[in-house]
Amino acid sequence: RCALSIFSGSYTNFGVFELYNDPTLTNILSTTLLLLINLDSSLLELYPKCFSLVFSVISSLATHHSSYLISLDSPTFSHLLRLLLRGVQSTVKDIISESCVVLDKLFTLHASNITLAQQNRVNGRVTIQHHIEAMSNHIQQQDKVMKSILLQLMILAITFDGLSVLYKPLLSLILICHRDYVMLQQLIAQSQATSEVRANKVVSL
């Protein structure tokens, strides 16, 4: 909970660190994130409140320090995505919600930046151009995990009522991974059709 308060910026003007090229904030963010993503998820799932706090801290990082997360190296970003996949696969609503918030902050921002680029509105805006390149590289390298996250969000949209927080990241991932979305949509439709045929056979018996 202390980390949640610290990373929200309530006590410190984070811009000061960047202004004076002070690496302290980046070092703290790196240490905290590495600690979280290297925890034993299987063990933490036995303690839902602690597991939920892990995702709350990552959600705070995504909300207030999305640029830092986007700039992660590929292995670390891969670990983060796999943890988020674990989050959206959870049965705990708070964990699913916090995971969706992180996905929203990362991928909705990326989708918005792509739109700006397509409209030629990023000229001279180096940060946006850097974000687009970094996220595009992450997405390309983490294709399988991205596909798994997209599938899980689609399943949640079908089976989980009252979880409106999942729709923004789902829409962003549909836009970013449209080809995978079309394929998964067809597989889900075929699966439902097969289930209906089996149900009809049971009824006829």
Protein backbone atom coordinates (compact mmCIF):
# COMPACT_ATOMS: atom_id res chain seq x y z
CA ARG A 1 0.00 0.00 0.00
CA CYS A 2 2.96 2.31 0.60
CA ALA A 3 4.08 1.67 -2.98
CA LEU A 4 0.60 2.61 -4.26
CA SER A 5 0.84 5.98 -2.50
CA ILE A 6 4.42 6.60 -3.64
CA PHE A 7 3.87 5.82 -7.31
CA SER A 8 0.67 7.85 -7.52
CA GLY A 9 2.77 11.02 -7.19
CA SER A 10 0.92 12.38 -4.19
CA TYR A 11 4.19 13.15 -2.40
CA THR A 12 6.61 13.94 -5.20
CA ASN A 13 6.68 15.85 -8.48
CA PHE A 14 8.03 13.11 -10.73
CA GLY A 15 8.92 15.57 -13.48
CA VAL A 16 11.75 16.91 -11.33
CA PHE A 17 13.68 13.65 -11.70
CA GLU A 18 13.54 13.83 -15.48
CA LEU A 19 14.34 17.54 -15.52
CA TYR A 20 17.58 17.01 -13.59
CA ASN A 21 18.44 13.65 -15.18
CA ASP A 22 18.14 11.97 -11.78
CA PRO A 23 17.88 8.15 -12.22
CA THR A 24 16.50 7.57 -8.70
CA LEU A 25 12.87 7.24 -9.80
CA THR A 26 13.72 4.92 -12.69
CA ASN A 27 15.80 2.77 -10.35
CA ILE A 28 12.94 2.51 -7.85
CA LEU A 29 10.45 1.65 -10.59
CA SER A 30 12.78 -1.02 -11.98
CA THR A 31 13.43 -2.58 -8.59
CA THR A 32 9.74 -2.64 -7.70
CA LEU A 33 8.62 -4.08 -11.04
CA LEU A 34 11.31 -6.78 -11.06
CA LEU A 35 10.30 -7.76 -7.54
CA LEU A 36 6.63 -8.07 -8.55
CA ILE A 37 7.06 -9.99 -11.80
CA ASN A 38 9.54 -12.44 -10.26
CA LEU A 39 7.26 -13.44 -7.41
CA ASP A 40 5.94 -16.99 -7.46
CA SER A 41 2.46 -16.47 -8.96
CA SER A 42 1.33 -20.00 -8.10
CA LEU A 43 2.13 -19.39 -4.43
CA LEU A 44 0.61 -15.90 -4.39
CA GLU A 45 -2.67 -17.19 -5.81
CA LEU A 46 -3.14 -19.04 -2.53
CA TYR A 47 -3.38 -15.60 -0.87
CA PRO A 48 -5.85 -13.59 -3.02
CA LYS A 49 -5.48 -10.34 -1.04
CA CYS A 50 -1.70 -10.30 -1.52
CA PHE A 51 -2.05 -11.32 -5.16
CA SER A 52 -4.57 -8.51 -5.67
CA LEU A 53 -2.14 -5.98 -4.18
CA VAL A 54 0.52 -7.02 -6.72
CA PHE A 55 -1.84 -6.07 -9.55
CA SER A 56 -2.88 -2.88 -7.79
CA VAL A 57 0.76 -1.72 -7.71
CA ILE A 58 1.28 -2.63 -11.38
CA SER A 59 -1.96 -0.79 -12.19
CA SER A 60 -0.59 2.28 -10.43
CA LEU A 61 2.64 2.00 -12.43
CA ALA A 62 0.67 1.80 -15.66
CA THR A 63 -1.53 4.74 -14.73
CA HIS A 64 1.26 7.10 -13.62
CA HIS A 65 4.35 5.70 -15.37
CA SER A 66 3.15 4.14 -18.64
CA SER A 67 6.18 5.54 -20.49
CA TYR A 68 8.46 3.56 -18.21
CA LEU A 69 6.58 0.31 -18.85
CA ILE A 70 6.60 0.88 -22.61
CA SER A 71 10.37 1.43 -22.54
CA LEU A 72 11.07 -1.91 -20.81
CA ASP A 73 13.42 -4.35 -22.51
CA SER A 74 11.77 -7.28 -24.29
CA PRO A 75 12.39 -10.00 -21.62
CA THR A 76 10.98 -7.81 -18.82
CA PHE A 77 7.97 -6.75 -20.90
CA SER A 78 7.39 -10.44 -21.69
CA HIS A 79 7.33 -11.25 -17.97
CA LEU A 80 4.88 -8.39 -17.41
CA LEU A 81 2.53 -9.60 -20.16
CA ARG A 82 2.60 -13.17 -18.83
CA LEU A 83 1.71 -11.89 -15.37
CA LEU A 84 -1.17 -9.87 -16.85
CA LEU A 85 -2.35 -13.00 -18.67
CA ARG A 86 -2.35 -14.76 -15.30
CA GLY A 87 -4.35 -11.84 -13.96
CA VAL A 88 -7.13 -11.96 -16.56
CA GLN A 89 -7.29 -15.75 -16.08
CA SER A 90 -7.93 -15.27 -12.36
CA THR A 91 -11.30 -15.97 -10.76
CA VAL A 92 -10.97 -12.90 -8.50
CA LYS A 93 -12.83 -9.89 -9.92
CA ASP A 94 -10.46 -7.28 -8.43
CA ILE A 95 -7.43 -8.98 -10.00
CA ILE A 96 -9.15 -9.18 -13.39
CA SER A 97 -10.12 -5.50 -13.13
CA GLU A 98 -6.62 -4.31 -12.22
CA SER A 99 -5.12 -6.38 -15.04
CA CYS A 100 -7.57 -4.83 -17.49
CA VAL A 101 -6.59 -1.35 -16.29
CA VAL A 102 -2.93 -2.08 -17.08
CA LEU A 103 -3.80 -3.51 -20.50
CA ASP A 104 -5.97 -0.48 -21.16
CA LYS A 105 -3.22 2.00 -20.27
CA LEU A 106 -0.67 0.22 -22.46
CA PHE A 107 -2.65 -0.80 -25.52
CA THR A 108 -5.29 1.93 -25.70
CA LEU A 109 -2.43 4.43 -25.61
CA HIS A 110 -0.70 2.51 -28.40
CA ALA A 111 -3.87 2.39 -30.52
CA SER A 112 -4.35 6.15 -30.00
CA ASN A 113 -0.74 6.85 -30.96
CA ILE A 114 -1.12 4.79 -34.14
CA THR A 115 -4.21 6.83 -35.03
CA LEU A 116 -2.24 10.05 -34.54
CA ALA A 117 0.54 8.70 -36.75
CA GLN A 118 -1.93 7.75 -39.49
CA GLN A 119 -3.29 11.29 -39.36
CA ASN A 120 0.26 12.72 -39.62
CA ARG A 121 -0.09 14.42 -36.24
CA VAL A 122 3.13 13.18 -34.61
CA ASN A 123 5.64 15.36 -36.47
CA GLY A 124 8.30 16.44 -34.00
CA ARG A 125 6.68 14.52 -31.14
CA VAL A 126 9.59 12.23 -30.39
CA THR A 127 7.99 10.58 -27.34
CA ILE A 128 4.96 9.37 -29.30
CA GLN A 129 7.15 8.06 -32.12
CA HIS A 130 9.32 6.23 -29.58
CA HIS A 131 6.24 4.72 -27.91
CA ILE A 132 4.87 3.46 -31.23
CA GLU A 133 8.18 1.83 -32.15
CA ALA A 134 8.69 0.27 -28.71
CA MET A 135 5.14 -1.10 -28.41
CA SER A 136 5.12 -2.38 -31.99
CA ASN A 137 8.32 -4.28 -31.24
CA HIS A 138 6.87 -5.72 -28.01
CA ILE A 139 3.68 -6.81 -29.77
CA GLN A 140 5.59 -8.46 -32.59
CA GLN A 141 7.83 -10.40 -30.21
CA GLN A 142 5.00 -11.42 -27.86
CA ASP A 143 2.53 -12.58 -30.49
CA LYS A 144 1.49 -15.79 -28.68
CA VAL A 145 0.94 -14.09 -25.32
CA MET A 146 -0.99 -11.25 -27.00
CA LYS A 147 -3.22 -13.82 -28.69
CA SER A 148 -3.82 -15.59 -25.37
CA ILE A 149 -4.73 -12.32 -23.65
CA LEU A 150 -7.09 -11.38 -26.50
CA LEU A 151 -8.78 -14.78 -26.30
CA GLN A 152 -9.21 -14.53 -22.53
CA LEU A 153 -10.73 -11.04 -22.78
CA MET A 154 -13.16 -12.32 -25.42
CA ILE A 155 -14.15 -15.20 -23.14
CA LEU A 156 -14.62 -12.79 -20.22
CA ALA A 157 -16.80 -10.53 -22.37
CA ILE A 158 -19.05 -13.52 -23.10
CA THR A 159 -19.11 -15.15 -19.67
CA PHE A 160 -18.49 -12.39 -17.10
CA ASP A 161 -21.30 -9.88 -16.45
CA GLY A 162 -20.75 -6.46 -14.92
CA LEU A 163 -17.07 -6.07 -15.81
CA SER A 164 -17.14 -2.96 -18.01
CA VAL A 165 -13.43 -2.27 -17.42
CA LEU A 166 -12.48 -5.05 -19.85
CA TYR A 167 -14.09 -3.48 -22.94
CA LYS A 168 -11.53 -0.74 -23.62
CA PRO A 169 -8.49 -3.04 -23.61
CA LEU A 170 -10.50 -5.61 -25.59
CA LEU A 171 -11.34 -3.04 -28.27
CA SER A 172 -7.70 -1.89 -28.43
CA LEU A 173 -6.44 -5.45 -28.81
CA ILE A 174 -9.04 -6.13 -31.51
CA LEU A 175 -7.72 -3.12 -33.44
CA ILE A 176 -4.07 -4.05 -32.90
CA CYS A 177 -4.46 -7.80 -33.47
CA HIS A 178 -7.38 -7.79 -35.88
CA ARG A 179 -6.29 -10.87 -37.83
CA ASP A 180 -6.02 -12.92 -34.64
CA TYR A 181 -9.40 -11.56 -33.52
CA VAL A 182 -11.14 -12.74 -36.70
CA MET A 183 -9.60 -16.21 -36.34
CA LEU A 184 -10.50 -16.49 -32.64
CA GLN A 185 -14.02 -15.25 -33.32
CA GLN A 186 -14.51 -18.04 -35.86
CA LEU A 187 -13.12 -20.65 -33.44
CA ILE A 188 -15.46 -19.49 -30.64
CA ALA A 189 -18.44 -19.52 -33.02
CA GLN A 190 -17.58 -23.06 -34.15
CA SER A 191 -17.18 -24.17 -30.54
CA GLN A 192 -20.59 -22.76 -29.59
CA ALA A 193 -22.19 -24.39 -32.64
CA THR A 194 -20.68 -27.77 -31.67
CA SER A 195 -21.95 -27.36 -28.10
CA GLU A 196 -25.46 -26.59 -29.37
CA VAL A 197 -25.45 -29.69 -31.60
CA ARG A 198 -24.40 -31.85 -28.63
CA ALA A 199 -27.07 -30.27 -26.44
CA ASN A 200 -29.75 -30.97 -29.06
CA LYS A 201 -28.63 -34.60 -29.25
CA VAL A 202 -28.93 -34.93 -25.49
CA VAL A 203 -32.40 -33.37 -25.54
CA SER A 204 -33.52 -35.71 -28.34
CA LEU A 205 -32.45 -38.71 -26.25
